Amino acid sequence: MKWDLIIFDCDGVLVDSEAIGNKFIAEALTDLGIETSTDEALGEFLGGKLTQIKISVEKKLDKKLPDDWVDKIYEKQFAEFKRSLKPIAGIENVLRALTKKDVLMCVGSNGPVNKMDVSLSVTGLAQYFSGRVFSADHVGIPKPAPDLYLYCAEQLNCIPQKCLVVEDSPRGAMAGVSAGMTVFGYSGTDNNTDLLRAGCSTVSSKMIDLLDFVGVPETR
């Protein structure tokens, strides 16, 4: 099948940011008395939105958190991104090959636009998505709701059935499936169960396998 649009999630799909980002979430929760490791934060919040995490924590603690709680976490994340953030292994080859074949691509992430701007510029991936970076903030509701992915398709004049989503989280995969799109799951590990259960058509631990899935040769 020829895809009219490939929509990439950002964290954990384009950039290797999940561990970095969740480290600071875990620290912030631990400071509140909710002892949390980075691995535990990854397991619970992978693909989530910080503002939603804040609401969840406030309910758990039955108290309001400071207005700048989310901003302080982002501040720490951004500083670390600028020091050490890397692209996901193989993604540069994938984007280069897709660009050579004039495949239309965009980013659709639960994260805010300023976070994606930092992530994509630091890793050198911004060049592949000029003017095509979309956030859940644009639609007012995060994944697993399908709204963001439907918005991406609408903005680029594509029908959902001809869109392919690339996701690393079950909530993101569910969003793509609910939008009527096909979902390619990237796990980064050999643990594919959750992504398959969420509705991914296939799951791989190697990003380069995306090229085989869409029928585009790798560019050397």
C-alpha atoms as a PDB file:
ATOM      1  CA  MET A   1       0.000   0.000   0.000  1.00  0.00           C
ATOM      2  CA  LYS A   2       1.192   3.501  -0.796  1.00  0.00           C
ATOM      3  CA  TRP A   3       0.790   5.822   2.168  1.00  0.00           C
ATOM      4  CA  ASP A   4      -0.230   9.441   1.627  1.00  0.00           C
ATOM      5  CA  LEU A   5       1.153  10.454   5.031  1.00  0.00           C
ATOM      6  CA  ILE A   6       3.399   8.955   7.702  1.00  0.00           C
ATOM      7  CA  ILE A   7       2.870  10.435  11.169  1.00  0.00           C
ATOM      8  CA  PHE A   8       5.691   9.993  13.669  1.00  0.00           C
ATOM      9  CA  ASP A   9       5.295  10.265  17.410  1.00  0.00           C
ATOM     10  CA  CYS A  10       8.262  12.194  18.818  1.00  0.00           C
ATOM     11  CA  ASP A  11       9.499  10.845  22.166  1.00  0.00           C
ATOM     12  CA  GLY A  12      10.781   7.288  21.828  1.00  0.00           C
ATOM     13  CA  VAL A  13      10.197   7.235  18.061  1.00  0.00           C
ATOM     14  CA  LEU A  14      12.260  10.101  16.660  1.00  0.00           C
ATOM     15  CA  VAL A  15      14.341  10.957  19.719  1.00  0.00           C
ATOM     16  CA  ASP A  16      15.614   8.764  22.547  1.00  0.00           C
ATOM     17  CA  SER A  17      14.017  10.906  25.239  1.00  0.00           C
ATOM     18  CA  GLU A  18      11.736   8.611  27.223  1.00  0.00           C
ATOM     19  CA  ALA A  19      14.275   7.603  29.880  1.00  0.00           C
ATOM     20  CA  ILE A  20      15.546  11.172  30.251  1.00  0.00           C
ATOM     21  CA  GLY A  21      12.075  12.643  30.496  1.00  0.00           C
ATOM     22  CA  ASN A  22      10.745  10.069  32.935  1.00  0.00           C
ATOM     23  CA  LYS A  23      13.808  10.377  35.158  1.00  0.00           C
ATOM     24  CA  PHE A  24      12.746  13.911  36.070  1.00  0.00           C
ATOM     25  CA  ILE A  25       9.106  12.898  36.456  1.00  0.00           C
ATOM     26  CA  ALA A  26      10.214  10.173  38.870  1.00  0.00           C
ATOM     27  CA  GLU A  27      12.320  12.656  40.834  1.00  0.00           C
ATOM     28  CA  ALA A  28       9.441  15.139  41.043  1.00  0.00           C
ATOM     29  CA  LEU A  29       7.060  12.443  42.294  1.00  0.00           C
ATOM     30  CA  THR A  30       9.581  11.178  44.835  1.00  0.00           C
ATOM     31  CA  ASP A  31       9.980  14.732  46.137  1.00  0.00           C
ATOM     32  CA  LEU A  32       6.218  14.720  46.764  1.00  0.00           C
ATOM     33  CA  GLY A  33       6.504  11.524  48.800  1.00  0.00           C
ATOM     34  CA  ILE A  34       5.458   9.171  45.992  1.00  0.00           C
ATOM     35  CA  GLU A  35       8.574   7.007  45.764  1.00  0.00           C
ATOM     36  CA  THR A  36       9.041   6.351  42.045  1.00  0.00           C
ATOM     37  CA  SER A  37      11.920   4.983  39.978  1.00  0.00           C
ATOM     38  CA  THR A  38      12.607   5.919  36.367  1.00  0.00           C
ATOM     39  CA  ASP A  39      11.522   2.439  35.251  1.00  0.00           C
ATOM     40  CA  GLU A  40       8.268   2.756  37.195  1.00  0.00           C
ATOM     41  CA  ALA A  41       7.604   6.159  35.642  1.00  0.00           C
ATOM     42  CA  LEU A  42       8.269   4.708  32.186  1.00  0.00           C
ATOM     43  CA  GLY A  43       5.857   1.862  32.835  1.00  0.00           C
ATOM     44  CA  GLU A  44       3.074   4.147  34.025  1.00  0.00           C
ATOM     45  CA  PHE A  45       3.531   7.298  31.972  1.00  0.00           C
ATOM     46  CA  LEU A  46       5.058   6.214  28.633  1.00  0.00           C
ATOM     47  CA  GLY A  47       3.551   8.407  25.940  1.00  0.00           C
ATOM     48  CA  GLY A  48       1.629  10.441  28.505  1.00  0.00           C
ATOM     49  CA  LYS A  49       1.200  14.192  28.842  1.00  0.00           C
ATOM     50  CA  LEU A  50       2.686  16.044  31.809  1.00  0.00           C
ATOM     51  CA  THR A  51      -0.412  18.130  32.432  1.00  0.00           C
ATOM     52  CA  GLN A  52      -2.457  14.919  32.687  1.00  0.00           C
ATOM     53  CA  ILE A  53       0.137  13.406  35.018  1.00  0.00           C
ATOM     54  CA  LYS A  54      -0.174  16.479  37.236  1.00  0.00           C
ATOM     55  CA  ILE A  55      -3.956  16.078  37.423  1.00  0.00           C
ATOM     56  CA  SER A  56      -3.545  12.396  38.316  1.00  0.00           C
ATOM     57  CA  VAL A  57      -1.037  13.196  41.081  1.00  0.00           C
ATOM     58  CA  GLU A  58      -3.258  15.923  42.507  1.00  0.00           C
ATOM     59  CA  LYS A  59      -6.116  13.421  42.777  1.00  0.00           C
ATOM     60  CA  LYS A  60      -3.833  10.867  44.397  1.00  0.00           C
ATOM     61  CA  LEU A  61      -2.525  13.339  46.980  1.00  0.00           C
ATOM     62  CA  ASP A  62      -5.845  15.175  47.300  1.00  0.00           C
ATOM     63  CA  LYS A  63      -4.090  18.511  47.054  1.00  0.00           C
ATOM     64  CA  LYS A  64      -3.203  21.109  44.432  1.00  0.00           C
ATOM     65  CA  LEU A  65       0.362  21.132  43.126  1.00  0.00           C
ATOM     66  CA  PRO A  66       2.225  24.398  42.446  1.00  0.00           C
ATOM     67  CA  ASP A  67       1.248  26.088  39.171  1.00  0.00           C
ATOM     68  CA  ASP A  68       4.840  25.770  37.924  1.00  0.00           C
ATOM     69  CA  TRP A  69       5.203  22.040  38.724  1.00  0.00           C
ATOM     70  CA  VAL A  70       5.009  21.024  35.047  1.00  0.00           C
ATOM     71  CA  ASP A  71       7.203  23.919  33.883  1.00  0.00           C
ATOM     72  CA  LYS A  72       9.963  22.987  36.336  1.00  0.00           C
ATOM     73  CA  ILE A  73      10.041  19.423  35.044  1.00  0.00           C
ATOM     74  CA  TYR A  74      10.195  20.667  31.455  1.00  0.00           C
ATOM     75  CA  GLU A  75      13.010  23.036  32.402  1.00  0.00           C
ATOM     76  CA  LYS A  76      15.100  20.133  33.709  1.00  0.00           C
ATOM     77  CA  GLN A  77      14.217  17.950  30.730  1.00  0.00           C
ATOM     78  CA  PHE A  78      15.148  20.633  28.200  1.00  0.00           C
ATOM     79  CA  ALA A  79      18.509  21.262  29.872  1.00  0.00           C
ATOM     80  CA  GLU A  80      19.336  17.552  29.754  1.00  0.00           C
ATOM     81  CA  PHE A  81      18.074  17.236  26.171  1.00  0.00           C
ATOM     82  CA  LYS A  82      20.505  19.948  25.098  1.00  0.00           C
ATOM     83  CA  ARG A  83      23.351  18.055  26.777  1.00  0.00           C
ATOM     84  CA  SER A  84      22.684  14.477  25.790  1.00  0.00           C
ATOM     85  CA  LEU A  85      19.611  13.840  23.610  1.00  0.00           C
ATOM     86  CA  LYS A  86      20.214  11.534  20.631  1.00  0.00           C
ATOM     87  CA  PRO A  87      18.060  10.391  17.703  1.00  0.00           C
ATOM     88  CA  ILE A  88      16.554   6.914  17.879  1.00  0.00           C
ATOM     89  CA  ALA A  89      18.931   4.407  16.291  1.00  0.00           C
ATOM     90  CA  GLY A  90      18.259   4.133  12.557  1.00  0.00           C
ATOM     91  CA  ILE A  91      15.740   6.976  12.344  1.00  0.00           C
ATOM     92  CA  GLU A  92      18.025   9.261  10.329  1.00  0.00           C
ATOM     93  CA  ASN A  93      18.411   6.607   7.626  1.00  0.00           C
ATOM     94  CA  VAL A  94      14.644   6.110   7.599  1.00  0.00           C
ATOM     95  CA  LEU A  95      13.842   9.817   7.279  1.00  0.00           C
ATOM     96  CA  ARG A  96      16.498  10.306   4.609  1.00  0.00           C
ATOM     97  CA  ALA A  97      15.121   7.430   2.508  1.00  0.00           C
ATOM     98  CA  LEU A  98      11.508   8.591   2.879  1.00  0.00           C
ATOM     99  CA  THR A  99      12.456  12.153   1.973  1.00  0.00           C
ATOM    100  CA  LYS A 100      14.267  10.931  -1.138  1.00  0.00           C
ATOM    101  CA  LYS A 101      11.026   9.237  -2.236  1.00  0.00           C
ATOM    102  CA  ASP A 102       8.998  12.404  -1.490  1.00  0.00           C
ATOM    103  CA  VAL A 103       6.940  10.677   1.197  1.00  0.00           C
ATOM    104  CA  LEU A 104       4.887  13.226   3.150  1.00  0.00           C
ATOM    105  CA  MET A 105       5.749  13.095   6.864  1.00  0.00           C
ATOM    106  CA  CYS A 106       4.767  14.946  10.018  1.00  0.00           C
ATOM    107  CA  VAL A 107       5.126  14.729  13.791  1.00  0.00           C
ATOM    108  CA  GLY A 108       2.149  14.167  16.100  1.00  0.00           C
ATOM    109  CA  SER A 109       3.000  14.201  19.807  1.00  0.00           C
ATOM    110  CA  ASN A 110       1.308  14.655  23.171  1.00  0.00           C
ATOM    111  CA  GLY A 111       4.196  16.961  24.092  1.00  0.00           C
ATOM    112  CA  PRO A 112       4.059  20.729  23.627  1.00  0.00           C
ATOM    113  CA  VAL A 113       5.490  22.318  20.496  1.00  0.00           C
ATOM    114  CA  ASN A 114       8.366  23.976  22.378  1.00  0.00           C
ATOM    115  CA  LYS A 115       9.489  20.578  23.678  1.00  0.00           C
ATOM    116  CA  MET A 116       9.444  19.127  20.164  1.00  0.00           C
ATOM    117  CA  ASP A 117      11.306  22.159  18.842  1.00  0.00           C
ATOM    118  CA  VAL A 118      14.123  21.513  21.331  1.00  0.00           C
ATOM    119  CA  SER A 119      14.173  17.760  20.697  1.00  0.00           C
ATOM    120  CA  LEU A 120      14.178  17.992  16.908  1.00  0.00           C
ATOM    121  CA  SER A 121      16.682  20.839  16.667  1.00  0.00           C
ATOM    122  CA  VAL A 122      19.172  19.273  19.101  1.00  0.00           C
ATOM    123  CA  THR A 123      19.118  15.979  17.181  1.00  0.00           C
ATOM    124  CA  GLY A 124      19.174  17.537  13.708  1.00  0.00           C
ATOM    125  CA  LEU A 125      15.816  16.043  12.722  1.00  0.00           C
ATOM    126  CA  ALA A 126      13.881  19.306  12.398  1.00  0.00           C
ATOM    127  CA  GLN A 127      14.884  19.565   8.717  1.00  0.00           C
ATOM    128  CA  TYR A 128      12.562  16.668   7.856  1.00  0.00           C
ATOM    129  CA  PHE A 129       9.405  18.208   9.354  1.00  0.00           C
ATOM    130  CA  SER A 130       9.420  21.921   8.548  1.00  0.00           C
ATOM    131  CA  GLY A 131       5.960  23.329   9.296  1.00  0.00           C
ATOM    132  CA  ARG A 132       4.570  19.856   9.995  1.00  0.00           C
ATOM    133  CA  VAL A 133       4.908  19.477  13.769  1.00  0.00           C
ATOM    134  CA  PHE A 134       1.603  18.999  15.602  1.00  0.00           C
ATOM    135  CA  SER A 135       0.856  18.760  19.320  1.00  0.00           C
ATOM    136  CA  ALA A 136      -2.077  17.526  21.381  1.00  0.00           C
ATOM    137  CA  ASP A 137      -2.232  21.152  22.525  1.00  0.00           C
ATOM    138  CA  HIS A 138      -3.585  21.978  19.060  1.00  0.00           C
ATOM    139  CA  VAL A 139      -6.684  19.852  19.673  1.00  0.00           C
ATOM    140  CA  GLY A 140      -7.058  20.119  23.439  1.00  0.00           C
ATOM    141  CA  ILE A 141      -7.113  16.391  24.155  1.00  0.00           C
ATOM    142  CA  PRO A 142      -4.136  13.993  24.282  1.00  0.00           C
ATOM    143  CA  LYS A 143      -3.709  10.441  23.056  1.00  0.00           C
ATOM    144  CA  PRO A 144      -5.210   7.837  23.421  1.00  0.00           C
ATOM    145  CA  ALA A 145      -7.974   9.997  21.940  1.00  0.00           C
ATOM    146  CA  PRO A 146      -7.696   9.980  18.118  1.00  0.00           C
ATOM    147  CA  ASP A 147      -8.152  13.753  17.769  1.00  0.00           C
ATOM    148  CA  LEU A 148      -4.483  14.637  17.264  1.00  0.00           C
ATOM    149  CA  TYR A 149      -3.922  12.097  14.509  1.00  0.00           C
ATOM    150  CA  LEU A 150      -7.138  13.116  12.764  1.00  0.00           C
ATOM    151  CA  TYR A 151      -5.974  16.727  13.014  1.00  0.00           C
ATOM    152  CA  CYS A 152      -2.629  15.824  11.397  1.00  0.00           C
ATOM    153  CA  ALA A 153      -4.435  14.177   8.485  1.00  0.00           C
ATOM    154  CA  GLU A 154      -6.826  17.101   8.095  1.00  0.00           C
ATOM    155  CA  GLN A 155      -4.048  19.693   8.135  1.00  0.00           C
ATOM    156  CA  LEU A 156      -2.217  17.866   5.361  1.00  0.00           C
ATOM    157  CA  ASN A 157      -5.323  17.012   3.321  1.00  0.00           C
ATOM    158  CA  CYS A 158      -5.046  13.250   3.743  1.00  0.00           C
ATOM    159  CA  ILE A 159      -7.709  10.673   4.546  1.00  0.00           C
ATOM    160  CA  PRO A 160      -7.061   8.630   7.728  1.00  0.00           C
ATOM    161  CA  GLN A 161      -7.191   5.297   5.900  1.00  0.00           C
ATOM    162  CA  LYS A 162      -4.147   6.323   3.836  1.00  0.00           C
ATOM    163  CA  CYS A 163      -2.124   7.407   6.897  1.00  0.00           C
ATOM    164  CA  LEU A 164       0.494   5.346   8.719  1.00  0.00           C
ATOM    165  CA  VAL A 165       1.319   6.108  12.361  1.00  0.00           C
ATOM    166  CA  VAL A 166       4.663   5.191  13.964  1.00  0.00           C
ATOM    167  CA  GLU A 167       4.315   4.747  17.728  1.00  0.00           C
ATOM    168  CA  ASP A 168       6.196   3.382  20.727  1.00  0.00           C
ATOM    169  CA  SER A 169       3.439   3.539  23.362  1.00  0.00           C
ATOM    170  CA  PRO A 170       0.166   1.620  23.711  1.00  0.00           C
ATOM    171  CA  ARG A 171      -1.811   4.841  24.280  1.00  0.00           C
ATOM    172  CA  GLY A 172      -0.382   6.293  21.073  1.00  0.00           C
ATOM    173  CA  ALA A 173      -1.096   3.104  19.154  1.00  0.00           C
ATOM    174  CA  MET A 174      -4.691   3.138  20.401  1.00  0.00           C
ATOM    175  CA  ALA A 175      -5.021   6.725  19.178  1.00  0.00           C
ATOM    176  CA  GLY A 176      -3.868   5.741  15.703  1.00  0.00           C
ATOM    177  CA  VAL A 177      -6.176   2.735  15.517  1.00  0.00           C
ATOM    178  CA  SER A 178      -9.135   4.792  16.781  1.00  0.00           C
ATOM    179  CA  ALA A 179      -8.394   7.333  14.043  1.00  0.00           C
ATOM    180  CA  GLY A 180      -8.778   4.597  11.425  1.00  0.00           C
ATOM    181  CA  MET A 181      -5.073   4.558  10.619  1.00  0.00           C
ATOM    182  CA  THR A 182      -2.549   1.725  10.364  1.00  0.00           C
ATOM    183  CA  VAL A 183       0.027   1.679  13.170  1.00  0.00           C
ATOM    184  CA  PHE A 184       3.647   0.512  12.981  1.00  0.00           C
ATOM    185  CA  GLY A 185       4.910  -0.175  16.495  1.00  0.00           C
ATOM    186  CA  TYR A 186       8.497   0.525  17.499  1.00  0.00           C
ATOM    187  CA  SER A 187       9.449  -1.108  20.781  1.00  0.00           C
ATOM    188  CA  GLY A 188      13.188  -0.525  21.090  1.00  0.00           C
ATOM    189  CA  THR A 189      13.171  -3.916  22.847  1.00  0.00           C
ATOM    190  CA  ASP A 190      11.886  -7.392  22.089  1.00  0.00           C
ATOM    191  CA  ASN A 191       8.806  -6.873  24.288  1.00  0.00           C
ATOM    192  CA  ASN A 192       6.075  -6.353  21.698  1.00  0.00           C
ATOM    193  CA  THR A 193       3.004  -7.646  23.552  1.00  0.00           C
ATOM    194  CA  ASP A 194       1.534  -4.343  24.758  1.00  0.00           C
ATOM    195  CA  LEU A 195       1.876  -2.665  21.360  1.00  0.00           C
ATOM    196  CA  LEU A 196       0.314  -5.600  19.529  1.00  0.00           C
ATOM    197  CA  ARG A 197      -2.511  -5.686  22.055  1.00  0.00           C
ATOM    198  CA  ALA A 198      -3.057  -1.958  21.436  1.00  0.00           C
ATOM    199  CA  GLY A 199      -3.673  -2.665  17.753  1.00  0.00           C
ATOM    200  CA  CYS A 200      -0.346  -2.263  15.943  1.00  0.00           C
ATOM    201  CA  SER A 201      -0.240  -4.076  12.608  1.00  0.00           C
ATOM    202  CA  THR A 202       3.366  -5.021  13.276  1.00  0.00           C
ATOM    203  CA  VAL A 203       6.000  -4.273  15.899  1.00  0.00           C
ATOM    204  CA  SER A 204       9.768  -4.117  15.497  1.00  0.00           C
ATOM    205  CA  SER A 205      12.723  -3.402  17.743  1.00  0.00           C
ATOM    206  CA  LYS A 206      14.600  -1.965  14.743  1.00  0.00           C
ATOM    207  CA  MET A 207      13.447   1.351  13.285  1.00  0.00           C
ATOM    208  CA  ILE A 208      15.014   0.549   9.921  1.00  0.00           C
ATOM    209  CA  ASP A 209      12.339  -2.166   9.490  1.00  0.00           C
ATOM    210  CA  LEU A 210       9.854   0.639   8.851  1.00  0.00           C
ATOM    211  CA  LEU A 211      11.334   1.014   5.362  1.00  0.00           C
ATOM    212  CA  ASP A 212      10.541  -2.616   4.525  1.00  0.00           C
ATOM    213  CA  PHE A 213       7.013  -2.132   5.856  1.00  0.00           C
ATOM    214  CA  VAL A 214       6.357   0.816   3.540  1.00  0.00           C
ATOM    215  CA  GLY A 215       8.326  -0.590   0.605  1.00  0.00           C
ATOM    216  CA  VAL A 216      11.027   2.072   0.439  1.00  0.00           C
ATOM    217  CA  PRO A 217      14.682   1.065  -0.083  1.00  0.00           C
ATOM    218  CA  GLU A 218      17.308   2.222   2.374  1.00  0.00           C
ATOM    219  CA  THR A 219      19.522   5.068   1.144  1.00  0.00           C
ATOM    220  CA  ARG A 220      23.239   4.511   1.535  1.00  0.00           C
END
